[in-house]
């Protein structure tokens, strides 16, 4: 049986990002509007990259980074 290659998740749907960040949909979109979280659009689909989630958490941990 061939080995199965598993890759880390790179893009999250809005509901997945909401769960990862423990945010409501409204709060997630407020963070996007404020520029603290970025969304990638693919057609009509909105996705949040793992890097954007990590950057957002870094801002929360160190507010001076955002200033």
PDB file of N, CA and C in Angstrom:
ATOM      1  N   UNK A   1       0.854  -1.184   0.000  1.00  0.00           N
ATOM      2  CA  UNK A   1       0.000   0.000   0.000  1.00  0.00           C
ATOM      3  C   UNK A   1       0.892   1.236   0.000  1.00  0.00           C
ATOM      4  N   UNK A   2       0.644   2.209  -0.899  1.00  0.00           N
ATOM      5  CA  UNK A   2       1.469   3.418  -0.939  1.00  0.00           C
ATOM      6  C   UNK A   2       1.216   4.313   0.271  1.00  0.00           C
ATOM      7  N   UNK A   3       2.255   5.017   0.663  1.00  0.00           N
ATOM      8  CA  UNK A   3       2.137   5.947   1.791  1.00  0.00           C
ATOM      9  C   UNK A   3       1.283   7.136   1.371  1.00  0.00           C
ATOM     10  N   UNK A   4       0.483   7.616   2.302  1.00  0.00           N
ATOM     11  CA  UNK A   4      -0.380   8.771   2.046  1.00  0.00           C
ATOM     12  C   UNK A   4       0.313  10.008   2.596  1.00  0.00           C
ATOM     13  N   UNK A   5       0.478  10.996   1.744  1.00  0.00           N
ATOM     14  CA  UNK A   5       1.102  12.257   2.141  1.00  0.00           C
ATOM     15  C   UNK A   5       0.030  13.182   2.698  1.00  0.00           C
ATOM     16  N   UNK A   6       0.228  13.638   3.910  1.00  0.00           N
ATOM     17  CA  UNK A   6      -0.713  14.601   4.492  1.00  0.00           C
ATOM     18  C   UNK A   6       0.010  15.929   4.668  1.00  0.00           C
ATOM     19  N   UNK A   7      -0.626  16.967   4.229  1.00  0.00           N
ATOM     20  CA  UNK A   7      -0.075  18.314   4.314  1.00  0.00           C
ATOM     21  C   UNK A   7      -0.793  19.102   5.402  1.00  0.00           C
ATOM     22  N   UNK A   8      -0.081  20.017   6.046  1.00  0.00           N
ATOM     23  CA  UNK A   8      -0.766  20.858   7.039  1.00  0.00           C
ATOM     24  C   UNK A   8      -1.792  21.756   6.352  1.00  0.00           C
ATOM     25  N   UNK A   9      -2.830  22.072   7.071  1.00  0.00           N
ATOM     26  CA  UNK A   9      -3.882  22.929   6.530  1.00  0.00           C
ATOM     27  C   UNK A   9      -3.333  24.337   6.304  1.00  0.00           C
ATOM     28  N   UNK A  10      -3.563  24.875   5.115  1.00  0.00           N
ATOM     29  CA  UNK A  10      -3.026  26.186   4.751  1.00  0.00           C
ATOM     30  C   UNK A  10      -4.127  27.238   4.728  1.00  0.00           C
ATOM     31  N   UNK A  11      -5.311  26.877   4.267  1.00  0.00           N
ATOM     32  CA  UNK A  11      -6.440  27.813   4.185  1.00  0.00           C
ATOM     33  C   UNK A  11      -7.614  27.278   4.991  1.00  0.00           C
ATOM     34  N   UNK A  12      -8.255  28.177   5.712  1.00  0.00           N
ATOM     35  CA  UNK A  12      -9.407  27.828   6.536  1.00  0.00           C
ATOM     36  C   UNK A  12     -10.645  28.543   6.015  1.00  0.00           C
ATOM     37  N   UNK A  13     -11.782  27.876   6.073  1.00  0.00           N
ATOM     38  CA  UNK A  13     -13.042  28.532   5.760  1.00  0.00           C
ATOM     39  C   UNK A  13     -13.362  29.493   6.915  1.00  0.00           C
ATOM     40  N   UNK A  14     -14.306  30.377   6.697  1.00  0.00           N
ATOM     41  CA  UNK A  14     -14.692  31.314   7.756  1.00  0.00           C
ATOM     42  C   UNK A  14     -15.170  30.555   8.998  1.00  0.00           C
ATOM     43  N   UNK A  15     -16.058  29.549   8.879  1.00  0.00           N
ATOM     44  CA  UNK A  15     -16.461  28.821  10.086  1.00  0.00           C
ATOM     45  C   UNK A  15     -15.297  28.104  10.781  1.00  0.00           C
ATOM     46  N   UNK A  16     -14.346  27.577  10.020  1.00  0.00           N
ATOM     47  CA  UNK A  16     -13.182  26.934  10.635  1.00  0.00           C
ATOM     48  C   UNK A  16     -12.333  27.957  11.383  1.00  0.00           C
ATOM     49  N   UNK A  17     -12.100  29.119  10.776  1.00  0.00           N
ATOM     50  CA  UNK A  17     -11.324  30.173  11.433  1.00  0.00           C
ATOM     51  C   UNK A  17     -12.050  30.680  12.679  1.00  0.00           C
ATOM     52  N   UNK A  18     -13.368  30.775  12.599  1.00  0.00           N
ATOM     53  CA  UNK A  18     -14.148  31.181  13.766  1.00  0.00           C
ATOM     54  C   UNK A  18     -13.893  30.219  14.927  1.00  0.00           C
ATOM     55  N   UNK A  19     -13.881  28.914  14.632  1.00  0.00           N
ATOM     56  CA  UNK A  19     -13.661  27.906  15.665  1.00  0.00           C
ATOM     57  C   UNK A  19     -12.229  27.974  16.202  1.00  0.00           C
ATOM     58  N   UNK A  20     -11.254  28.118  15.310  1.00  0.00           N
ATOM     59  CA  UNK A  20      -9.853  28.175  15.725  1.00  0.00           C
ATOM     60  C   UNK A  20      -9.607  29.383  16.631  1.00  0.00           C
ATOM     61  N   UNK A  21     -10.179  30.518  16.287  1.00  0.00           N
ATOM     62  CA  UNK A  21      -9.946  31.760  17.019  1.00  0.00           C
ATOM     63  C   UNK A  21     -10.969  32.029  18.120  1.00  0.00           C
ATOM     64  N   UNK A  22     -11.985  31.192  18.220  1.00  0.00           N
ATOM     65  CA  UNK A  22     -13.065  31.382  19.204  1.00  0.00           C
ATOM     66  C   UNK A  22     -13.724  32.743  19.044  1.00  0.00           C
ATOM     67  N   UNK A  23     -14.019  33.101  17.799  1.00  0.00           N
ATOM     68  CA  UNK A  23     -14.694  34.358  17.487  1.00  0.00           C
ATOM     69  C   UNK A  23     -16.041  34.078  16.843  1.00  0.00           C
ATOM     70  N   UNK A  24     -16.973  34.992  17.040  1.00  0.00           N
ATOM     71  CA  UNK A  24     -18.234  34.907  16.299  1.00  0.00           C
ATOM     72  C   UNK A  24     -17.978  35.393  14.875  1.00  0.00           C
ATOM     73  N   UNK A  25     -18.912  35.123  13.984  1.00  0.00           N
ATOM     74  CA  UNK A  25     -18.788  35.584  12.595  1.00  0.00           C
ATOM     75  C   UNK A  25     -18.674  37.116  12.559  1.00  0.00           C
ATOM     76  N   UNK A  26     -19.507  37.789  13.339  1.00  0.00           N
ATOM     77  CA  UNK A  26     -19.479  39.257  13.369  1.00  0.00           C
ATOM     78  C   UNK A  26     -18.130  39.777  13.845  1.00  0.00           C
ATOM     79  N   UNK A  27     -17.597  39.185  14.906  1.00  0.00           N
ATOM     80  CA  UNK A  27     -16.310  39.640  15.431  1.00  0.00           C
ATOM     81  C   UNK A  27     -15.190  39.355  14.442  1.00  0.00           C
ATOM     82  N   UNK A  28     -15.227  38.214  13.767  1.00  0.00           N
ATOM     83  CA  UNK A  28     -14.210  37.895  12.770  1.00  0.00           C
ATOM     84  C   UNK A  28     -14.208  38.942  11.666  1.00  0.00           C
ATOM     85  N   UNK A  29     -15.385  39.287  11.157  1.00  0.00           N
ATOM     86  CA  UNK A  29     -15.449  40.292  10.094  1.00  0.00           C
ATOM     87  C   UNK A  29     -15.093  41.688  10.600  1.00  0.00           C
ATOM     88  N   UNK A  30     -15.327  41.989  11.888  1.00  0.00           N
ATOM     89  CA  UNK A  30     -14.874  43.267  12.459  1.00  0.00           C
ATOM     90  C   UNK A  30     -13.346  43.328  12.470  1.00  0.00           C
ATOM     91  N   UNK A  31     -12.713  42.210  12.789  1.00  0.00           N
ATOM     92  CA  UNK A  31     -11.248  42.161  12.789  1.00  0.00           C
ATOM     93  C   UNK A  31     -10.706  42.327  11.369  1.00  0.00           C
ATOM     94  N   UNK A  32     -11.399  41.777  10.392  1.00  0.00           N
ATOM     95  CA  UNK A  32     -11.016  41.955   8.988  1.00  0.00           C
ATOM     96  C   UNK A  32     -11.144  43.429   8.604  1.00  0.00           C
ATOM     97  N   UNK A  33     -12.279  44.045   8.964  1.00  0.00           N
ATOM     98  CA  UNK A  33     -12.512  45.455   8.629  1.00  0.00           C
ATOM     99  C   UNK A  33     -11.479  46.364   9.287  1.00  0.00           C
ATOM    100  N   UNK A  34     -11.010  45.976  10.477  1.00  0.00           N
ATOM    101  CA  UNK A  34     -10.018  46.778  11.197  1.00  0.00           C
ATOM    102  C   UNK A  34      -8.602  46.541  10.668  1.00  0.00           C
ATOM    103  N   UNK A  35      -8.447  45.552   9.792  1.00  0.00           N
ATOM    104  CA  UNK A  35      -7.137  45.272   9.216  1.00  0.00           C
ATOM    105  C   UNK A  35      -6.258  44.367  10.049  1.00  0.00           C
ATOM    106  N   UNK A  36      -6.809  43.794  11.108  1.00  0.00           N
ATOM    107  CA  UNK A  36      -6.013  42.913  11.960  1.00  0.00           C
ATOM    108  C   UNK A  36      -6.005  41.467  11.472  1.00  0.00           C
ATOM    109  N   UNK A  37      -6.912  41.118  10.579  1.00  0.00           N
ATOM    110  CA  UNK A  37      -7.020  39.768  10.033  1.00  0.00           C
ATOM    111  C   UNK A  37      -7.307  39.900   8.545  1.00  0.00           C
ATOM    112  N   UNK A  38      -6.625  39.111   7.738  1.00  0.00           N
ATOM    113  CA  UNK A  38      -6.809  39.226   6.294  1.00  0.00           C
ATOM    114  C   UNK A  38      -7.526  38.007   5.732  1.00  0.00           C
ATOM    115  N   UNK A  39      -8.325  38.265   4.717  1.00  0.00           N
ATOM    116  CA  UNK A  39      -9.084  37.219   4.027  1.00  0.00           C
ATOM    117  C   UNK A  39      -8.571  37.117   2.602  1.00  0.00           C
ATOM    118  N   UNK A  40      -8.481  35.900   2.097  1.00  0.00           N
ATOM    119  CA  UNK A  40      -8.113  35.635   0.710  1.00  0.00           C
ATOM    120  C   UNK A  40      -9.391  35.240  -0.013  1.00  0.00           C
ATOM    121  N   UNK A  41      -9.651  35.867  -1.146  1.00  0.00           N
ATOM    122  CA  UNK A  41     -10.845  35.534  -1.930  1.00  0.00           C
ATOM    123  C   UNK A  41     -10.451  34.654  -3.108  1.00  0.00           C
ATOM    124  N   UNK A  42     -11.229  33.609  -3.330  1.00  0.00           N
ATOM    125  CA  UNK A  42     -11.083  32.749  -4.501  1.00  0.00           C
ATOM    126  C   UNK A  42     -12.472  32.662  -5.116  1.00  0.00           C
ATOM    127  N   UNK A  43     -12.721  33.491  -6.112  1.00  0.00           N
ATOM    128  CA  UNK A  43     -14.080  33.595  -6.627  1.00  0.00           C
ATOM    129  C   UNK A  43     -14.954  34.204  -5.548  1.00  0.00           C
ATOM    130  N   UNK A  44     -16.023  33.509  -5.206  1.00  0.00           N
ATOM    131  CA  UNK A  44     -16.909  33.989  -4.143  1.00  0.00           C
ATOM    132  C   UNK A  44     -16.524  33.451  -2.776  1.00  0.00           C
ATOM    133  N   UNK A  45     -15.594  32.479  -2.747  1.00  0.00           N
ATOM    134  CA  UNK A  45     -15.212  31.835  -1.491  1.00  0.00           C
ATOM    135  C   UNK A  45     -14.203  32.688  -0.725  1.00  0.00           C
ATOM    136  N   UNK A  46     -14.442  32.845   0.557  1.00  0.00           N
ATOM    137  CA  UNK A  46     -13.516  33.554   1.437  1.00  0.00           C
ATOM    138  C   UNK A  46     -12.751  32.533   2.259  1.00  0.00           C
ATOM    139  N   UNK A  47     -11.436  32.710   2.325  1.00  0.00           N
ATOM    140  CA  UNK A  47     -10.588  31.829   3.111  1.00  0.00           C
ATOM    141  C   UNK A  47      -9.633  32.674   3.936  1.00  0.00           C
ATOM    142  N   UNK A  48      -9.219  32.123   5.079  1.00  0.00           N
ATOM    143  CA  UNK A  48      -8.253  32.785   5.934  1.00  0.00           C
ATOM    144  C   UNK A  48      -7.037  31.863   5.995  1.00  0.00           C
ATOM    145  N   UNK A  49      -5.870  32.412   5.672  1.00  0.00           N
ATOM    146  CA  UNK A  49      -4.666  31.581   5.647  1.00  0.00           C
ATOM    147  C   UNK A  49      -4.184  31.296   7.068  1.00  0.00           C
ATOM    148  N   UNK A  50      -3.461  30.193   7.200  1.00  0.00           N
ATOM    149  CA  UNK A  50      -2.877  29.842   8.493  1.00  0.00           C
ATOM    150  C   UNK A  50      -1.917  30.940   8.938  1.00  0.00           C
ATOM    151  N   UNK A  51      -1.209  31.535   7.984  1.00  0.00           N
ATOM    152  CA  UNK A  51      -0.301  32.637   8.310  1.00  0.00           C
ATOM    153  C   UNK A  51      -1.026  33.856   8.847  1.00  0.00           C
ATOM    154  N   UNK A  52      -2.195  34.160   8.271  1.00  0.00           N
ATOM    155  CA  UNK A  52      -2.991  35.299   8.743  1.00  0.00           C
ATOM    156  C   UNK A  52      -3.501  35.039  10.157  1.00  0.00           C
ATOM    157  N   UNK A  53      -3.869  33.799  10.438  1.00  0.00           N
ATOM    158  CA  UNK A  53      -4.324  33.442  11.791  1.00  0.00           C
ATOM    159  C   UNK A  53      -3.175  33.592  12.776  1.00  0.00           C
ATOM    160  N   UNK A  54      -1.984  33.101  12.398  1.00  0.00           N
ATOM    161  CA  UNK A  54      -0.814  33.217  13.275  1.00  0.00           C
ATOM    162  C   UNK A  54      -0.447  34.680  13.511  1.00  0.00           C
ATOM    163  N   UNK A  55      -0.519  35.504  12.467  1.00  0.00           N
ATOM    164  CA  UNK A  55      -0.207  36.929  12.608  1.00  0.00           C
ATOM    165  C   UNK A  55      -1.216  37.620  13.527  1.00  0.00           C
ATOM    166  N   UNK A  56      -2.489  37.257  13.411  1.00  0.00           N
ATOM    167  CA  UNK A  56      -3.526  37.838  14.261  1.00  0.00           C
ATOM    168  C   UNK A  56      -3.276  37.481  15.726  1.00  0.00           C
ATOM    169  N   UNK A  57      -2.929  36.229  15.981  1.00  0.00           N
ATOM    170  CA  UNK A  57      -2.640  35.805  17.352  1.00  0.00           C
ATOM    171  C   UNK A  57      -1.422  36.553  17.884  1.00  0.00           C
ATOM    172  N   UNK A  58      -0.413  36.767  17.045  1.00  0.00           N
ATOM    173  CA  UNK A  58       0.770  37.525  17.464  1.00  0.00           C
ATOM    174  C   UNK A  58       0.399  38.945  17.850  1.00  0.00           C
ATOM    175  N   UNK A  59      -0.527  39.551  17.109  1.00  0.00           N
ATOM    176  CA  UNK A  59      -0.998  40.899  17.447  1.00  0.00           C
ATOM    177  C   UNK A  59      -1.697  40.895  18.804  1.00  0.00           C
ATOM    178  N   UNK A  60      -2.492  39.867  19.060  1.00  0.00           N
ATOM    179  CA  UNK A  60      -3.181  39.781  20.344  1.00  0.00           C
ATOM    180  C   UNK A  60      -2.197  39.594  21.492  1.00  0.00           C
ATOM    181  N   UNK A  61      -1.139  38.808  21.238  1.00  0.00           N
ATOM    182  CA  UNK A  61      -0.148  38.552  22.283  1.00  0.00           C
ATOM    183  C   UNK A  61       0.768  39.742  22.525  1.00  0.00           C
ATOM    184  N   UNK A  62       0.979  40.561  21.493  1.00  0.00           N
ATOM    185  CA  UNK A  62       1.893  41.692  21.598  1.00  0.00           C
ATOM    186  C   UNK A  62       1.276  42.886  20.874  1.00  0.00           C
ATOM    187  N   UNK A  63       0.417  43.639  21.528  1.00  0.00           N
ATOM    188  CA  UNK A  63      -0.290  44.743  20.869  1.00  0.00           C
ATOM    189  C   UNK A  63       0.635  45.812  20.275  1.00  0.00           C
ATOM    190  N   UNK A  64       1.876  45.928  20.753  1.00  0.00           N
ATOM    191  CA  UNK A  64       2.800  46.923  20.212  1.00  0.00           C
ATOM    192  C   UNK A  64       3.140  46.624  18.757  1.00  0.00           C
ATOM    193  N   UNK A  65       3.011  45.359  18.326  1.00  0.00           N
ATOM    194  CA  UNK A  65       3.301  44.980  16.939  1.00  0.00           C
ATOM    195  C   UNK A  65       2.325  45.668  15.995  1.00  0.00           C
ATOM    196  N   UNK A  66       1.074  45.813  16.407  1.00  0.00           N
ATOM    197  CA  UNK A  66       0.038  46.414  15.563  1.00  0.00           C
ATOM    198  C   UNK A  66       0.177  47.927  15.476  1.00  0.00           C
ATOM    199  N   UNK A  67       0.814  48.521  16.451  1.00  0.00           N
ATOM    200  CA  UNK A  67       0.910  49.989  16.482  1.00  0.00           C
ATOM    201  C   UNK A  67       1.915  50.544  15.512  1.00  0.00           C
TER     202      UNK A  67
END
